[in-house]
Structures are given as structure tokens and as C-alpha cells.
Amino acid sequence: MSIEACRAYLRERGYEDRIREFDVSSATVELAAQAVGCQPAHIAKTLSFVHEDGAILIVCAGDAKIDNSKFKAQFHHKATMLTPDQVVEFTGHTIGGVCPFAITHPNVTAYLDVSLQRFDTIYPAAGNAASAVQLNCDELAQLANSASWIDVCKGWQ
């Protein structure tokens, strides 16, 4: 159902033709890069964290990792990832296909990490573990309804 929700969401905004579906898994950065045919850093992974009575989604480059001290400085609490059940509850997507599209829960806020800004083309998932959508950073920011660009990752510089 998640891929269908993303397809409808992207169709309404004129981006359905950018969705790529695969016969192989794209559930991890490495698998997604192989499926897409790009470097792992170009995969825009969506990480989901607990925040007050909701969740924070952080979309970052495939080669980036959350920097706990930067996260705490930004959000004023420790970075705690959602459980698999919470991921589905808050995003409507399962792990491996989590993306910032078609999110209907009112207490979910998406942020984009600056680690993505070095690329002209990036590939977030499109709602399941065998999909991606080709976008640039401006398109991702618009489609994700992101609150802002933030700097909470390390390991990519």
C-alpha cells in the first residue's frame, strides 16, 4: 500500500514518472545504489526518530551517519530511533521503504540534512523496499514538505 500512496502523492505533484521500481531489494543504501546504478552516497536515506508525541524524519546522504551531539543540539534530546511498529504508525511505510512522501500523521516533521546538497541527483525510496525516485535537492525539499535544511550528520565530508 505504501508504494501506491507514494505513487498517488507524486502523481498529484507531477513526479510519478520519476519513480523507479526494481525486481531486487533496495532496502539498504548499498542495495539501493546497486539497483539504481549510482554511488551509495547518492541514495537519500530517511531515518526516523522519536520526538515528543510524534516523529522526526531526517533525510540524509547514503554515506552520512547521525552525529549524536549535533542531533541533541538541534532537537534538545537524545537521538532515539523509532521501533519498526512506530515507523509504520507514523510514516505509513515499512523499514527499507521509508521516505518523506505521503506522510499523513500530523505529528511527523521532515528535515533534510546538508549532506545531500553536494549532489545534483539523489534517490530517496518511493514507499517500499524495491523503489526509488530520482530528484534534485530543491524537488526533494518541496515534495518532502521539509521544515528546513539542518546539519546533524557526520562521516560524509
Protein backbone atom coordinates (compact mmCIF):
# COMPACT_ATOMS: atom_id res chain seq x y z
CA MET A 1 0.00 0.00 0.00
CA SER A 2 2.84 2.40 0.76
CA ILE A 3 4.16 2.43 -2.82
CA GLU A 4 0.63 3.18 -4.02
CA ALA A 5 0.32 6.08 -1.57
CA CYS A 6 3.66 7.48 -2.75
CA ARG A 7 2.72 6.97 -6.40
CA ALA A 8 -0.53 8.91 -5.89
CA TYR A 9 1.27 11.62 -3.89
CA LEU A 10 3.95 12.03 -6.56
CA ARG A 11 1.40 11.82 -9.41
CA GLU A 12 -0.56 14.75 -7.92
CA ARG A 13 2.64 16.80 -7.98
CA GLY A 14 3.82 15.75 -11.46
CA TYR A 15 6.64 13.42 -10.40
CA GLU A 16 5.19 9.94 -10.91
CA ASP A 17 7.35 9.39 -13.99
CA ARG A 18 10.47 9.68 -11.79
CA ILE A 19 9.61 6.56 -9.77
CA ARG A 20 11.78 3.54 -10.46
CA GLU A 21 10.71 0.09 -9.33
CA PHE A 22 13.10 -2.82 -9.13
CA ASP A 23 12.96 -6.61 -9.28
CA VAL A 24 15.56 -6.63 -6.49
CA SER A 25 15.58 -5.19 -3.00
CA SER A 26 16.61 -1.58 -2.44
CA ALA A 27 16.08 -1.83 1.32
CA THR A 28 19.61 -0.74 2.27
CA VAL A 29 21.82 2.02 0.93
CA GLU A 30 24.11 -0.50 -0.73
CA LEU A 31 21.27 -2.46 -2.34
CA ALA A 32 19.54 0.74 -3.46
CA ALA A 33 22.76 2.02 -5.07
CA GLN A 34 23.17 -1.26 -6.94
CA ALA A 35 19.54 -1.20 -8.11
CA VAL A 36 19.70 2.44 -9.20
CA GLY A 37 23.24 2.21 -10.62
CA CYS A 38 24.75 5.05 -8.60
CA GLN A 39 27.21 5.61 -5.77
CA PRO A 40 25.79 4.84 -2.30
CA ALA A 41 26.21 8.49 -1.24
CA HIS A 42 23.54 9.49 -3.80
CA ILE A 43 20.90 7.41 -2.01
CA ALA A 44 18.78 9.73 0.15
CA LYS A 45 18.04 7.59 3.18
CA THR A 46 15.24 8.55 5.54
CA LEU A 47 15.95 7.97 9.22
CA SER A 48 13.10 8.15 11.74
CA PHE A 49 13.41 9.31 15.33
CA VAL A 50 11.19 9.74 18.37
CA HIS A 51 10.24 13.35 19.10
CA GLU A 52 7.77 14.38 21.79
CA ASP A 53 4.43 12.82 20.79
CA GLY A 54 5.49 12.23 17.19
CA ALA A 55 8.45 11.62 14.97
CA ILE A 56 11.24 13.38 13.15
CA LEU A 57 12.33 12.20 9.72
CA ILE A 58 15.83 13.11 8.64
CA VAL A 59 16.69 12.58 5.00
CA CYS A 60 20.45 12.41 4.53
CA ALA A 61 23.05 11.14 2.09
CA GLY A 62 23.72 7.43 1.97
CA ASP A 63 27.27 7.86 3.29
CA ALA A 64 26.23 10.04 6.25
CA LYS A 65 25.61 8.98 9.84
CA ILE A 66 23.76 10.81 12.58
CA ASP A 67 26.10 12.81 14.81
CA ASN A 68 24.56 12.41 18.26
CA SER A 69 25.93 15.69 19.62
CA LYS A 70 24.66 17.66 16.60
CA PHE A 71 21.27 15.93 16.87
CA LYS A 72 20.97 16.78 20.56
CA ALA A 73 21.97 20.40 19.91
CA GLN A 74 19.32 20.66 17.17
CA PHE A 75 16.42 18.86 18.87
CA HIS A 76 17.31 19.12 22.59
CA HIS A 77 17.07 15.39 23.25
CA LYS A 78 18.95 12.19 22.54
CA ALA A 79 18.56 10.57 19.12
CA THR A 80 16.28 7.55 19.62
CA MET A 81 15.14 5.71 16.53
CA LEU A 82 11.54 4.60 16.14
CA THR A 83 10.74 0.92 16.52
CA PRO A 84 9.60 -0.87 13.33
CA ASP A 85 5.97 -0.67 14.52
CA GLN A 86 6.32 3.05 15.26
CA VAL A 87 7.82 3.61 11.80
CA VAL A 88 4.70 2.17 10.21
CA GLU A 89 2.42 4.05 12.63
CA PHE A 90 3.99 7.44 11.97
CA THR A 91 5.03 7.17 8.31
CA GLY A 92 2.81 4.53 6.75
CA HIS A 93 5.95 2.95 5.29
CA THR A 94 7.92 -0.08 6.41
CA ILE A 95 11.64 -0.09 7.08
CA GLY A 96 13.51 -0.31 3.80
CA GLY A 97 10.97 1.89 2.02
CA VAL A 98 10.69 4.82 4.40
CA CYS A 99 10.55 8.14 2.63
CA PRO A 100 9.20 11.63 3.40
CA PHE A 101 6.34 11.34 0.89
CA ALA A 102 2.63 10.74 1.55
CA ILE A 103 3.04 11.17 5.30
CA THR A 104 -0.39 11.79 6.79
CA HIS A 105 0.36 11.64 10.53
CA PRO A 106 0.05 15.19 11.93
CA ASN A 107 2.98 14.82 14.36
CA VAL A 108 5.71 13.98 11.85
CA THR A 109 8.20 16.61 10.71
CA ALA A 110 10.73 16.03 7.93
CA TYR A 111 14.15 17.66 7.80
CA LEU A 112 16.82 17.46 5.11
CA ASP A 113 20.47 17.14 6.05
CA VAL A 114 23.05 19.29 4.27
CA SER A 115 24.96 16.13 3.33
CA LEU A 116 22.62 15.88 0.31
CA GLN A 117 23.37 19.35 -1.06
CA ARG A 118 26.58 18.27 -2.78
CA PHE A 119 24.65 16.24 -5.37
CA ASP A 120 22.67 17.24 -8.45
CA THR A 121 20.68 13.99 -8.35
CA ILE A 122 19.57 11.95 -5.35
CA TYR A 123 17.38 8.89 -4.91
CA PRO A 124 15.05 8.53 -1.92
CA ALA A 125 12.82 5.47 -1.60
CA ALA A 126 9.31 5.67 -3.02
CA GLY A 127 7.42 3.78 -0.35
CA ASN A 128 8.68 0.23 -0.46
CA ALA A 129 11.91 -1.77 -0.37
CA ALA A 130 12.15 -2.07 -4.17
CA SER A 131 11.75 1.52 -5.35
CA ALA A 132 13.39 4.92 -5.66
CA VAL A 133 12.52 8.30 -7.10
CA GLN A 134 15.02 10.48 -8.96
CA LEU A 135 15.05 14.06 -7.68
CA ASN A 136 17.26 17.07 -7.13
CA CYS A 137 17.54 18.75 -3.73
CA ASP A 138 15.04 21.50 -4.48
CA GLU A 139 12.48 18.96 -5.64
CA LEU A 140 13.08 16.83 -2.55
CA ALA A 141 12.63 19.84 -0.26
CA GLN A 142 9.34 20.72 -1.93
CA LEU A 143 7.96 17.16 -2.07
CA ALA A 144 9.04 16.28 1.48
CA ASN A 145 7.38 19.40 2.91
CA SER A 146 10.58 19.70 4.91
CA ALA A 147 10.78 22.05 7.85
CA SER A 148 14.33 23.07 6.97
CA TRP A 149 17.81 22.04 5.97
CA ILE A 150 19.82 21.01 9.03
CA ASP A 151 23.34 19.79 9.79
CA VAL A 152 23.10 16.72 12.04
CA CYS A 153 25.27 14.17 10.23
CA LYS A 154 28.92 13.17 10.15
CA GLY A 155 31.17 10.95 8.09
CA TRP A 156 30.39 12.38 4.69
CA GLN A 157 32.73 15.39 4.49
